[in-house]
């Protein structure tokens, strides 16, 4: 059996930030703009936020969740901006590292299909101290939970007790999910207090 090549995290991140797969070897239409991978990772982080892909505002800033969704996500986690952006404590690793562009209706496209196969497993091996993963959205949930993910996002999030404390599945914190949140009040009443307690314990 061939041994897996060990790679330092700084070396891996250098490769990721120079990645042009979605332009030079795309699986579908190439990325419509220059790649700008956005992620924050360290070997010491015990908490990781695994989201979908950066939006346009994040593409411009180069800093994850610098938008209204980020404000809500930090509220869900019970953390300050300073805590959230301390990569020694919290890693932020989307399924697709670059803003994928817009669809015909003006919504964000799904994460690029080139990203996860190329980088995901290598990043997970390089971040061995993660003890809790916040799985934001169905793309992240399907990859990290594998066959344990349910058929729909709602079913997966409803089953959060089966995955915690290692995994906490959540919907995306976008305003587009306001109706979902109103329809499922148990998410804020039951899941979030447990998530905040877990996050606070690991930050200590």
N, C-alpha and C. Protein backbone atom coordinates (compact mmCIF):
# COMPACT_ATOMS: atom_id res chain seq x y z
N UNK A 1 0.85 -1.20 0.00
CA UNK A 1 0.00 0.00 0.00
C UNK A 1 0.88 1.25 0.00
N UNK A 2 0.58 2.18 -0.91
CA UNK A 2 1.41 3.39 -1.02
C UNK A 2 1.17 4.32 0.16
N UNK A 3 2.25 4.83 0.76
CA UNK A 3 2.14 5.74 1.89
C UNK A 3 1.66 7.11 1.41
N UNK A 4 0.83 7.77 2.21
CA UNK A 4 0.35 9.11 1.89
C UNK A 4 1.45 10.13 2.20
N UNK A 5 1.75 10.95 1.23
CA UNK A 5 2.82 11.93 1.41
C UNK A 5 2.39 12.98 2.44
N UNK A 6 3.22 13.17 3.46
CA UNK A 6 2.93 14.20 4.45
C UNK A 6 3.37 15.55 3.89
N UNK A 7 2.57 16.56 4.15
CA UNK A 7 2.86 17.89 3.66
C UNK A 7 2.57 18.89 4.76
N UNK A 8 3.45 19.87 4.90
CA UNK A 8 3.23 20.88 5.93
C UNK A 8 2.05 21.74 5.54
N UNK A 9 1.35 22.27 6.55
CA UNK A 9 0.21 23.14 6.27
C UNK A 9 0.61 24.39 5.50
N UNK A 10 1.69 25.09 5.86
CA UNK A 10 2.08 26.27 5.07
C UNK A 10 2.32 25.94 3.60
N UNK A 11 2.94 24.79 3.33
CA UNK A 11 3.18 24.39 1.94
C UNK A 11 1.88 24.12 1.22
N UNK A 12 0.94 23.45 1.89
CA UNK A 12 -0.36 23.16 1.29
C UNK A 12 -1.14 24.44 1.01
N UNK A 13 -1.15 25.37 1.96
CA UNK A 13 -1.87 26.63 1.78
C UNK A 13 -1.27 27.45 0.63
N UNK A 14 0.03 27.37 0.47
CA UNK A 14 0.67 28.07 -0.64
C UNK A 14 0.17 27.52 -1.98
N UNK A 15 0.03 26.20 -2.05
CA UNK A 15 -0.51 25.57 -3.26
C UNK A 15 -1.95 26.00 -3.51
N UNK A 16 -2.75 25.96 -2.45
CA UNK A 16 -4.17 26.31 -2.59
C UNK A 16 -4.33 27.75 -3.07
N UNK A 17 -3.57 28.65 -2.51
CA UNK A 17 -3.73 30.07 -2.85
C UNK A 17 -3.22 30.38 -4.25
N UNK A 18 -2.47 29.45 -4.83
CA UNK A 18 -2.02 29.62 -6.21
C UNK A 18 -2.87 28.79 -7.19
N UNK A 19 -3.90 28.15 -6.69
CA UNK A 19 -4.71 27.23 -7.50
C UNK A 19 -5.44 27.96 -8.63
N UNK A 20 -5.42 27.34 -9.82
CA UNK A 20 -6.13 27.87 -10.98
C UNK A 20 -6.89 26.75 -11.71
N UNK A 21 -7.24 25.68 -10.98
CA UNK A 21 -7.90 24.55 -11.61
C UNK A 21 -9.19 24.94 -12.32
N UNK A 22 -9.97 25.83 -11.70
CA UNK A 22 -11.28 26.18 -12.26
C UNK A 22 -11.16 27.09 -13.48
N UNK A 23 -9.95 27.55 -13.78
CA UNK A 23 -9.70 28.35 -14.98
C UNK A 23 -8.94 27.53 -16.02
N UNK A 24 -7.88 26.85 -15.56
CA UNK A 24 -7.00 26.14 -16.49
C UNK A 24 -7.45 24.72 -16.80
N UNK A 25 -8.18 24.08 -15.86
CA UNK A 25 -8.65 22.71 -16.09
C UNK A 25 -10.05 22.55 -15.52
N UNK A 26 -11.00 23.35 -16.00
CA UNK A 26 -12.35 23.34 -15.41
C UNK A 26 -13.13 22.07 -15.77
N UNK A 27 -14.04 21.67 -14.86
CA UNK A 27 -14.91 20.53 -15.13
C UNK A 27 -16.16 20.95 -15.90
N UNK A 28 -16.41 22.24 -15.96
CA UNK A 28 -17.52 22.78 -16.75
C UNK A 28 -17.04 24.12 -17.30
N UNK A 29 -17.93 25.09 -17.41
CA UNK A 29 -17.50 26.42 -17.86
C UNK A 29 -16.48 26.96 -16.88
N UNK A 30 -15.41 27.58 -17.37
CA UNK A 30 -14.38 28.08 -16.46
C UNK A 30 -14.89 29.21 -15.57
N UNK A 31 -14.20 29.41 -14.46
CA UNK A 31 -14.54 30.51 -13.56
C UNK A 31 -14.53 31.82 -14.35
N UNK A 32 -15.57 32.67 -14.21
CA UNK A 32 -15.67 33.86 -15.05
C UNK A 32 -14.81 35.04 -14.60
N UNK A 33 -13.95 34.82 -13.61
CA UNK A 33 -13.07 35.88 -13.14
C UNK A 33 -11.79 35.24 -12.60
N UNK A 34 -10.85 36.04 -12.20
CA UNK A 34 -9.61 35.52 -11.65
C UNK A 34 -9.87 34.81 -10.32
N UNK A 35 -9.26 33.65 -10.11
CA UNK A 35 -9.44 32.95 -8.83
C UNK A 35 -8.89 33.78 -7.67
N UNK A 36 -9.58 33.68 -6.54
CA UNK A 36 -9.09 34.28 -5.30
C UNK A 36 -9.52 33.37 -4.15
N UNK A 37 -8.76 32.30 -3.90
CA UNK A 37 -9.14 31.37 -2.83
C UNK A 37 -9.19 32.08 -1.48
N UNK A 38 -10.29 31.85 -0.75
CA UNK A 38 -10.48 32.48 0.56
C UNK A 38 -10.70 31.38 1.60
N UNK A 39 -9.76 31.28 2.54
CA UNK A 39 -9.88 30.34 3.66
C UNK A 39 -8.94 30.78 4.76
N UNK A 40 -9.20 30.31 5.97
CA UNK A 40 -8.36 30.62 7.12
C UNK A 40 -8.16 29.31 7.89
N UNK A 41 -6.91 28.91 8.04
CA UNK A 41 -6.61 27.59 8.61
C UNK A 41 -5.37 27.67 9.48
N UNK A 42 -5.35 26.84 10.54
CA UNK A 42 -4.15 26.66 11.34
C UNK A 42 -4.15 25.25 11.91
N UNK A 43 -3.01 24.82 12.38
CA UNK A 43 -2.92 23.47 12.96
C UNK A 43 -3.50 23.43 14.36
N UNK A 44 -3.68 24.58 14.99
CA UNK A 44 -4.13 24.60 16.38
C UNK A 44 -5.63 24.79 16.53
N UNK A 45 -6.33 25.14 15.46
CA UNK A 45 -7.77 25.39 15.55
C UNK A 45 -8.52 24.14 16.00
N UNK A 46 -9.40 24.30 16.98
CA UNK A 46 -10.22 23.19 17.45
C UNK A 46 -11.64 23.25 16.88
N UNK A 47 -12.01 24.40 16.33
CA UNK A 47 -13.32 24.61 15.73
C UNK A 47 -13.13 24.92 14.26
N UNK A 48 -13.99 24.35 13.42
CA UNK A 48 -13.93 24.66 11.99
C UNK A 48 -15.32 24.97 11.46
N UNK A 49 -15.40 26.00 10.64
CA UNK A 49 -16.63 26.32 9.92
C UNK A 49 -16.43 25.86 8.48
N UNK A 50 -17.23 24.89 8.06
CA UNK A 50 -17.16 24.38 6.70
C UNK A 50 -18.39 24.85 5.95
N UNK A 51 -18.21 25.87 5.12
CA UNK A 51 -19.32 26.46 4.40
C UNK A 51 -19.38 26.04 2.95
N UNK A 52 -20.02 26.85 2.12
CA UNK A 52 -20.22 26.52 0.71
C UNK A 52 -19.13 27.13 -0.17
N UNK A 53 -19.21 28.43 -0.41
CA UNK A 53 -18.21 29.13 -1.23
C UNK A 53 -18.34 30.61 -0.93
N UNK A 54 -17.28 31.38 -1.11
CA UNK A 54 -17.37 32.82 -0.86
C UNK A 54 -18.38 33.49 -1.78
N UNK A 55 -19.05 34.52 -1.27
CA UNK A 55 -19.88 35.36 -2.12
C UNK A 55 -19.04 36.47 -2.72
N UNK A 56 -19.69 37.33 -3.49
CA UNK A 56 -18.95 38.40 -4.16
C UNK A 56 -18.30 39.37 -3.18
N UNK A 57 -18.99 39.70 -2.09
CA UNK A 57 -18.40 40.62 -1.11
C UNK A 57 -17.13 40.04 -0.51
N UNK A 58 -17.16 38.73 -0.24
CA UNK A 58 -15.97 38.07 0.31
C UNK A 58 -14.88 37.98 -0.75
N UNK A 59 -15.26 37.76 -1.99
CA UNK A 59 -14.28 37.76 -3.09
C UNK A 59 -13.55 39.10 -3.15
N UNK A 60 -14.28 40.18 -2.91
CA UNK A 60 -13.67 41.51 -2.95
C UNK A 60 -12.77 41.74 -1.74
N UNK A 61 -13.21 41.31 -0.57
CA UNK A 61 -12.46 41.59 0.65
C UNK A 61 -11.32 40.60 0.90
N UNK A 62 -11.48 39.37 0.42
CA UNK A 62 -10.49 38.34 0.69
C UNK A 62 -10.58 37.79 2.10
N UNK A 63 -11.66 38.12 2.81
CA UNK A 63 -11.84 37.70 4.20
C UNK A 63 -13.20 37.03 4.32
N UNK A 64 -13.27 35.79 4.84
CA UNK A 64 -14.52 35.05 4.84
C UNK A 64 -15.61 35.67 5.71
N UNK A 65 -16.84 35.54 5.26
CA UNK A 65 -18.03 35.95 6.00
C UNK A 65 -18.00 37.43 6.39
N UNK A 66 -17.47 38.27 5.51
CA UNK A 66 -17.54 39.72 5.73
C UNK A 66 -18.80 40.25 5.03
N UNK A 67 -19.94 39.76 5.48
CA UNK A 67 -21.23 40.10 4.89
C UNK A 67 -22.31 39.85 5.94
N UNK A 68 -23.56 40.18 5.65
CA UNK A 68 -24.63 39.95 6.65
C UNK A 68 -24.74 38.49 7.09
N UNK A 69 -24.43 37.55 6.20
CA UNK A 69 -24.46 36.14 6.60
C UNK A 69 -23.44 35.86 7.70
N UNK A 70 -22.30 36.52 7.62
CA UNK A 70 -21.28 36.35 8.64
C UNK A 70 -21.72 36.89 9.99
N UNK A 71 -22.44 38.00 9.97
CA UNK A 71 -22.95 38.57 11.23
C UNK A 71 -23.87 37.56 11.91
N UNK A 72 -24.77 36.97 11.12
CA UNK A 72 -25.70 35.99 11.69
C UNK A 72 -24.96 34.73 12.14
N UNK A 73 -23.99 34.27 11.37
CA UNK A 73 -23.24 33.07 11.75
C UNK A 73 -22.52 33.27 13.08
N UNK A 74 -21.90 34.44 13.26
CA UNK A 74 -21.20 34.71 14.52
C UNK A 74 -22.18 34.76 15.69
N UNK A 75 -23.39 35.27 15.41
CA UNK A 75 -24.43 35.27 16.44
C UNK A 75 -24.83 33.83 16.78
N UNK A 76 -24.99 33.00 15.76
CA UNK A 76 -25.32 31.60 16.01
C UNK A 76 -24.27 30.92 16.88
N UNK A 77 -23.01 31.23 16.62
CA UNK A 77 -21.91 30.60 17.35
C UNK A 77 -21.67 31.23 18.72
N UNK A 78 -22.16 32.46 18.91
CA UNK A 78 -21.92 33.16 20.17
C UNK A 78 -20.51 33.65 20.31
N UNK A 79 -19.92 34.13 19.20
CA UNK A 79 -18.53 34.59 19.23
C UNK A 79 -18.44 36.04 18.76
N UNK A 80 -17.39 36.71 19.17
CA UNK A 80 -17.11 38.06 18.70
C UNK A 80 -16.39 37.99 17.36
N UNK A 81 -16.31 39.13 16.69
CA UNK A 81 -15.54 39.19 15.43
C UNK A 81 -14.10 38.78 15.69
N UNK A 82 -13.54 39.26 16.78
CA UNK A 82 -12.14 38.96 17.10
C UNK A 82 -11.93 37.45 17.27
N UNK A 83 -12.85 36.82 17.98
CA UNK A 83 -12.73 35.37 18.17
C UNK A 83 -12.91 34.62 16.85
N UNK A 84 -13.89 35.05 16.06
CA UNK A 84 -14.19 34.36 14.81
C UNK A 84 -13.01 34.40 13.85
N UNK A 85 -12.31 35.51 13.81
CA UNK A 85 -11.21 35.66 12.85
C UNK A 85 -9.84 35.31 13.44
N UNK A 86 -9.83 34.69 14.61
CA UNK A 86 -8.58 34.19 15.18
C UNK A 86 -8.35 32.78 14.64
N UNK A 87 -7.58 32.68 13.56
CA UNK A 87 -7.44 31.39 12.89
C UNK A 87 -6.70 30.36 13.73
N UNK A 88 -6.05 30.79 14.79
CA UNK A 88 -5.43 29.82 15.69
C UNK A 88 -6.49 29.02 16.45
N UNK A 89 -7.71 29.59 16.52
CA UNK A 89 -8.80 28.94 17.26
C UNK A 89 -9.92 28.43 16.36
N UNK A 90 -10.23 29.18 15.29
CA UNK A 90 -11.33 28.81 14.40
C UNK A 90 -10.85 28.79 12.96
N UNK A 91 -10.97 27.64 12.32
CA UNK A 91 -10.66 27.52 10.90
C UNK A 91 -11.94 27.78 10.10
N UNK A 92 -11.79 28.39 8.92
CA UNK A 92 -12.92 28.65 8.04
C UNK A 92 -12.54 28.11 6.66
N UNK A 93 -13.21 27.02 6.27
CA UNK A 93 -12.80 26.29 5.07
C UNK A 93 -14.05 25.98 4.22
N UNK A 94 -14.35 26.79 3.21
CA UNK A 94 -15.52 26.50 2.37
C UNK A 94 -15.28 25.31 1.46
N UNK A 95 -16.37 24.74 0.93
CA UNK A 95 -16.25 23.62 0.00
C UNK A 95 -15.58 24.06 -1.29
N UNK A 96 -15.88 25.26 -1.73
CA UNK A 96 -15.20 25.85 -2.87
C UNK A 96 -14.51 27.12 -2.40
N UNK A 97 -13.25 27.28 -2.70
CA UNK A 97 -12.48 28.39 -2.12
C UNK A 97 -12.70 29.72 -2.82
N UNK A 98 -13.22 29.70 -4.06
CA UNK A 98 -13.39 30.93 -4.82
C UNK A 98 -14.87 31.23 -5.07
N UNK A 99 -15.20 32.51 -5.18
CA UNK A 99 -16.55 32.92 -5.55
C UNK A 99 -16.88 32.31 -6.91
N UNK A 100 -17.95 31.49 -7.01
CA UNK A 100 -18.22 30.77 -8.26
C UNK A 100 -18.93 31.58 -9.33
N UNK A 101 -19.39 32.80 -9.00
CA UNK A 101 -20.14 33.60 -9.96
C UNK A 101 -21.63 33.45 -9.73
N UNK A 102 -22.41 34.08 -10.60
CA UNK A 102 -23.87 34.11 -10.45
C UNK A 102 -24.55 33.23 -11.50
N UNK A 103 -25.73 32.71 -11.11
CA UNK A 103 -26.54 31.98 -12.07
C UNK A 103 -27.44 32.96 -12.83
N UNK A 104 -28.30 32.44 -13.70
CA UNK A 104 -29.13 33.30 -14.57
C UNK A 104 -30.10 34.16 -13.78
N UNK A 105 -30.45 33.73 -12.55
CA UNK A 105 -31.39 34.48 -11.72
C UNK A 105 -30.69 35.45 -10.76
N UNK A 106 -29.37 35.50 -10.83
CA UNK A 106 -28.63 36.42 -9.97
C UNK A 106 -28.22 35.84 -8.63
N UNK A 107 -28.48 34.54 -8.43
CA UNK A 107 -28.03 33.88 -7.20
C UNK A 107 -26.64 33.31 -7.35
N UNK A 108 -25.98 33.04 -6.26
CA UNK A 108 -24.65 32.45 -6.32
C UNK A 108 -24.71 31.03 -6.88
N UNK A 109 -23.78 30.70 -7.75
CA UNK A 109 -23.66 29.34 -8.26
C UNK A 109 -23.16 28.40 -7.16
N UNK A 110 -23.32 27.10 -7.33
CA UNK A 110 -22.79 26.15 -6.33
C UNK A 110 -21.27 26.19 -6.27
N UNK A 111 -20.67 25.65 -5.23
CA UNK A 111 -19.21 25.57 -5.16
C UNK A 111 -18.65 24.86 -6.39
N UNK A 112 -17.51 25.29 -6.85
CA UNK A 112 -16.87 24.67 -8.01
C UNK A 112 -16.56 23.20 -7.71
N UNK A 113 -16.75 22.35 -8.72
CA UNK A 113 -16.55 20.91 -8.55
C UNK A 113 -15.08 20.51 -8.52
N UNK A 114 -14.19 21.43 -8.91
CA UNK A 114 -12.77 21.10 -8.91
C UNK A 114 -12.16 21.11 -7.50
N UNK A 115 -12.76 21.92 -6.61
CA UNK A 115 -12.12 22.22 -5.33
C UNK A 115 -12.01 21.03 -4.38
N UNK A 116 -13.14 20.47 -4.00
CA UNK A 116 -13.13 19.43 -2.96
C UNK A 116 -12.27 18.22 -3.32
N UNK A 117 -12.37 17.67 -4.54
CA UNK A 117 -11.52 16.52 -4.86
C UNK A 117 -10.03 16.83 -4.79
N UNK A 118 -9.68 18.05 -5.13
CA UNK A 118 -8.25 18.40 -5.16
C UNK A 118 -7.67 18.68 -3.79
N UNK A 119 -8.46 19.24 -2.88
CA UNK A 119 -7.88 19.80 -1.67
C UNK A 119 -8.45 19.27 -0.34
N UNK A 120 -9.68 18.77 -0.35
CA UNK A 120 -10.37 18.53 0.92
C UNK A 120 -9.66 17.54 1.84
N UNK A 121 -9.35 16.38 1.32
CA UNK A 121 -8.73 15.35 2.17
C UNK A 121 -7.36 15.80 2.65
N UNK A 122 -6.61 16.48 1.80
CA UNK A 122 -5.29 16.96 2.20
C UNK A 122 -5.39 17.98 3.33
N UNK A 123 -6.39 18.86 3.24
CA UNK A 123 -6.58 19.85 4.30
C UNK A 123 -7.01 19.19 5.61
N UNK A 124 -7.86 18.19 5.53
CA UNK A 124 -8.31 17.51 6.74
C UNK A 124 -7.14 16.81 7.44
N UNK A 125 -6.25 16.22 6.66
CA UNK A 125 -5.06 15.58 7.25
C UNK A 125 -4.14 16.61 7.90
N UNK A 126 -4.14 17.81 7.35
CA UNK A 126 -3.23 18.85 7.85
C UNK A 126 -3.80 19.64 9.02
N UNK A 127 -5.06 19.34 9.41
CA UNK A 127 -5.70 20.04 10.54
C UNK A 127 -6.22 19.01 11.53
N UNK A 128 -5.33 18.32 12.23
CA UNK A 128 -5.73 17.17 13.05
C UNK A 128 -6.37 17.52 14.39
N UNK A 129 -6.36 18.79 14.78
CA UNK A 129 -6.85 19.14 16.12
C UNK A 129 -8.29 19.62 16.15
N UNK A 130 -8.97 19.59 15.01
CA UNK A 130 -10.37 20.05 14.98
C UNK A 130 -11.25 19.09 15.76
N UNK A 131 -12.01 19.64 16.72
CA UNK A 131 -12.87 18.84 17.58
C UNK A 131 -14.36 19.07 17.32
N UNK A 132 -14.69 20.18 16.67
CA UNK A 132 -16.08 20.46 16.31
C UNK A 132 -16.11 21.11 14.94
N UNK A 133 -16.99 20.59 14.08
CA UNK A 133 -17.13 21.10 12.72
C UNK A 133 -18.55 21.62 12.54
N UNK A 134 -18.67 22.89 12.18
CA UNK A 134 -19.97 23.49 11.88
C UNK A 134 -20.18 23.37 10.38
N UNK A 135 -21.15 22.56 9.98
CA UNK A 135 -21.37 22.23 8.58
C UNK A 135 -22.49 23.12 8.03
N UNK A 136 -22.10 24.17 7.34
CA UNK A 136 -23.04 25.18 6.86
C UNK A 136 -23.51 24.82 5.45
N UNK A 137 -24.75 24.38 5.33
CA UNK A 137 -25.30 24.08 4.02
C UNK A 137 -25.13 22.63 3.61
N UNK A 138 -25.89 22.24 2.59
CA UNK A 138 -25.97 20.83 2.20
C UNK A 138 -24.69 20.31 1.55
N UNK A 139 -23.96 21.15 0.82
CA UNK A 139 -22.73 20.68 0.17
C UNK A 139 -21.72 20.21 1.21
N UNK A 140 -21.56 21.00 2.24
CA UNK A 140 -20.64 20.65 3.32
C UNK A 140 -21.13 19.41 4.07
N UNK A 141 -22.42 19.36 4.33
CA UNK A 141 -22.98 18.23 5.09
C UNK A 141 -22.82 16.92 4.33
N UNK A 142 -23.07 16.94 3.04
CA UNK A 142 -22.96 15.71 2.26
C UNK A 142 -21.52 15.21 2.20
N UNK A 143 -20.56 16.14 2.11
CA UNK A 143 -19.16 15.70 2.03
C UNK A 143 -18.69 15.16 3.37
N UNK A 144 -18.95 15.89 4.45
CA UNK A 144 -18.40 15.51 5.75
C UNK A 144 -19.17 14.39 6.43
N UNK A 145 -20.46 14.32 6.20
CA UNK A 145 -21.25 13.27 6.84
C UNK A 145 -21.37 12.02 5.97
N UNK A 146 -21.13 12.17 4.69
CA UNK A 146 -21.19 11.03 3.79
C UNK A 146 -22.54 10.33 3.84
N UNK A 147 -22.54 9.00 3.96
CA UNK A 147 -23.82 8.27 3.97
C UNK A 147 -24.69 8.56 5.18
N UNK A 148 -24.13 9.19 6.21
CA UNK A 148 -24.93 9.54 7.39
C UNK A 148 -25.78 10.79 7.18
N UNK A 149 -25.51 11.55 6.12
CA UNK A 149 -26.35 12.71 5.81
C UNK A 149 -27.73 12.23 5.35
N UNK A 150 -28.75 12.98 5.68
CA UNK A 150 -30.12 12.62 5.29
C UNK A 150 -30.40 13.12 3.86
N UNK A 151 -31.59 12.83 3.38
CA UNK A 151 -31.93 13.18 2.00
C UNK A 151 -32.01 14.68 1.79
N UNK A 152 -32.44 15.42 2.79
CA UNK A 152 -32.58 16.87 2.66
C UNK A 152 -31.81 17.57 3.77
N UNK A 153 -31.54 18.86 3.53
CA UNK A 153 -30.86 19.65 4.55
C UNK A 153 -31.69 19.69 5.83
N UNK A 154 -32.99 19.89 5.70
CA UNK A 154 -33.84 19.98 6.89
C UNK A 154 -33.76 18.71 7.72
N UNK A 155 -33.83 17.56 7.06
CA UNK A 155 -33.74 16.29 7.78
C UNK A 155 -32.39 16.14 8.47
N UNK A 156 -31.33 16.58 7.80
CA UNK A 156 -29.99 16.48 8.38
C UNK A 156 -29.87 17.38 9.60
N UNK A 157 -30.34 18.62 9.49
CA UNK A 157 -30.25 19.55 10.62
C UNK A 157 -31.14 19.07 11.77
N UNK A 158 -32.30 18.53 11.45
CA UNK A 158 -33.19 17.99 12.48
C UNK A 158 -32.52 16.85 13.27
N UNK A 159 -31.61 16.16 12.62
CA UNK A 159 -30.93 15.01 13.25
C UNK A 159 -29.62 15.41 13.92
N UNK A 160 -29.47 16.69 14.24
CA UNK A 160 -28.18 17.21 14.73
C UNK A 160 -27.68 16.48 15.97
N UNK A 161 -28.58 15.98 16.80
CA UNK A 161 -28.15 15.27 18.01
C UNK A 161 -27.38 13.99 17.68
N UNK A 162 -27.65 13.44 16.49
CA UNK A 162 -26.94 12.22 16.08
C UNK A 162 -25.49 12.52 15.71
N UNK A 163 -25.19 13.78 15.38
CA UNK A 163 -23.86 14.14 14.89
C UNK A 163 -23.02 14.89 15.92
N UNK A 164 -23.67 15.61 16.82
CA UNK A 164 -22.95 16.43 17.81
C UNK A 164 -22.24 15.52 18.82
N UNK A 165 -21.14 16.00 19.40
CA UNK A 165 -20.55 17.34 19.30
C UNK A 165 -19.51 17.50 18.19
N UNK A 166 -19.21 16.41 17.45
CA UNK A 166 -18.21 16.54 16.38
C UNK A 166 -18.73 17.39 15.24
N UNK A 167 -19.98 17.15 14.83
CA UNK A 167 -20.57 17.89 13.73
C UNK A 167 -21.85 18.61 14.18
N UNK A 168 -21.99 19.86 13.75
CA UNK A 168 -23.23 20.61 13.94
C UNK A 168 -23.70 21.09 12.56
N UNK A 169 -24.68 20.41 11.95
CA UNK A 169 -25.19 20.86 10.66
C UNK A 169 -26.12 22.05 10.83
N UNK A 170 -25.99 23.04 9.96
CA UNK A 170 -26.85 24.23 10.01
C UNK A 170 -27.26 24.61 8.59
N UNK A 171 -28.35 25.37 8.45
CA UNK A 171 -28.62 25.99 7.15
C UNK A 171 -27.62 27.11 6.91
N UNK A 172 -27.63 27.65 5.71
CA UNK A 172 -26.79 28.82 5.46
C UNK A 172 -27.40 30.01 6.20
N UNK A 173 -26.58 30.88 6.80
CA UNK A 173 -27.12 32.01 7.56
C UNK A 173 -27.60 33.17 6.69
N UNK A 174 -27.82 32.95 5.42
CA UNK A 174 -28.29 33.99 4.51
C UNK A 174 -29.70 34.44 4.88
N UNK A 175 -30.02 35.69 4.54
CA UNK A 175 -31.39 36.20 4.73
C UNK A 175 -32.39 35.39 3.92
N UNK A 176 -31.93 34.72 2.86
CA UNK A 176 -32.83 33.90 2.05
C UNK A 176 -33.43 32.76 2.86
N UNK A 177 -32.82 32.44 4.00
CA UNK A 177 -33.32 31.35 4.83
C UNK A 177 -34.17 31.83 6.01
N UNK A 178 -34.58 33.10 5.99
CA UNK A 178 -35.42 33.61 7.07
C UNK A 178 -36.71 32.80 7.21
N UNK A 179 -37.31 32.44 6.07
CA UNK A 179 -38.55 31.66 6.11
C UNK A 179 -38.30 30.28 6.72
N UNK A 180 -37.16 29.68 6.39
CA UNK A 180 -36.80 28.37 6.96
C UNK A 180 -36.67 28.48 8.48
N UNK A 181 -36.02 29.52 8.94
CA UNK A 181 -35.81 29.70 10.38
C UNK A 181 -37.15 29.90 11.11
N UNK A 182 -38.07 30.65 10.49
CA UNK A 182 -39.39 30.84 11.11
C UNK A 182 -40.18 29.54 11.17
N UNK A 183 -40.01 28.73 10.14
CA UNK A 183 -40.74 27.47 10.05
C UNK A 183 -40.19 26.41 11.00
N UNK A 184 -38.92 26.57 11.40
CA UNK A 184 -38.26 25.56 12.23
C UNK A 184 -37.67 26.23 13.47
N UNK A 185 -38.50 26.70 14.40
CA UNK A 185 -38.01 27.43 15.58
C UNK A 185 -37.14 26.59 16.49
N UNK A 186 -37.20 25.28 16.40
CA UNK A 186 -36.36 24.42 17.23
C UNK A 186 -34.87 24.63 16.94
N UNK A 187 -34.56 25.11 15.74
CA UNK A 187 -33.14 25.33 15.42
C UNK A 187 -32.52 26.34 16.37
N UNK A 188 -33.18 27.48 16.56
CA UNK A 188 -32.65 28.51 17.45
C UNK A 188 -32.89 28.17 18.92
N UNK A 189 -33.97 27.47 19.21
CA UNK A 189 -34.33 27.17 20.60
C UNK A 189 -33.55 26.00 21.17
N UNK A 190 -33.21 25.01 20.33
CA UNK A 190 -32.61 23.78 20.84
C UNK A 190 -31.16 23.56 20.37
N UNK A 191 -30.92 23.72 19.07
CA UNK A 191 -29.57 23.46 18.55
C UNK A 191 -28.58 24.55 18.95
N UNK A 192 -28.95 25.81 18.75
CA UNK A 192 -27.98 26.89 18.96
C UNK A 192 -27.45 26.99 20.39
N UNK A 193 -28.26 26.82 21.43
CA UNK A 193 -27.68 26.86 22.77
C UNK A 193 -26.60 25.79 23.00
N UNK A 194 -26.79 24.61 22.44
CA UNK A 194 -25.80 23.54 22.58
C UNK A 194 -24.54 23.89 21.78
N UNK A 195 -24.74 24.42 20.58
CA UNK A 195 -23.59 24.82 19.76
C UNK A 195 -22.78 25.90 20.46
N UNK A 196 -23.45 26.91 21.00
CA UNK A 196 -22.73 28.00 21.67
C UNK A 196 -21.96 27.50 22.89
N UNK A 197 -22.56 26.61 23.63
CA UNK A 197 -21.88 26.04 24.79
C UNK A 197 -20.64 25.28 24.39
N UNK A 198 -20.74 24.51 23.31
CA UNK A 198 -19.61 23.74 22.81
C UNK A 198 -18.50 24.67 22.31
N UNK A 199 -18.86 25.68 21.54
CA UNK A 199 -17.88 26.63 21.03
C UNK A 199 -17.17 27.32 22.17
N UNK A 200 -17.92 27.76 23.17
CA UNK A 200 -17.32 28.46 24.31
C UNK A 200 -16.35 27.56 25.06
N UNK A 201 -16.70 26.30 25.22
CA UNK A 201 -15.82 25.36 25.93
C UNK A 201 -14.50 25.18 25.17
N UNK A 202 -14.57 25.08 23.85
CA UNK A 202 -13.36 24.87 23.07
C UNK A 202 -12.51 26.14 22.98
N UNK A 203 -13.14 27.30 23.01
CA UNK A 203 -12.38 28.54 22.96
C UNK A 203 -11.60 28.77 24.26
N UNK A 204 -12.07 28.18 25.35
CA UNK A 204 -11.33 28.36 26.60
C UNK A 204 -10.01 27.63 26.58
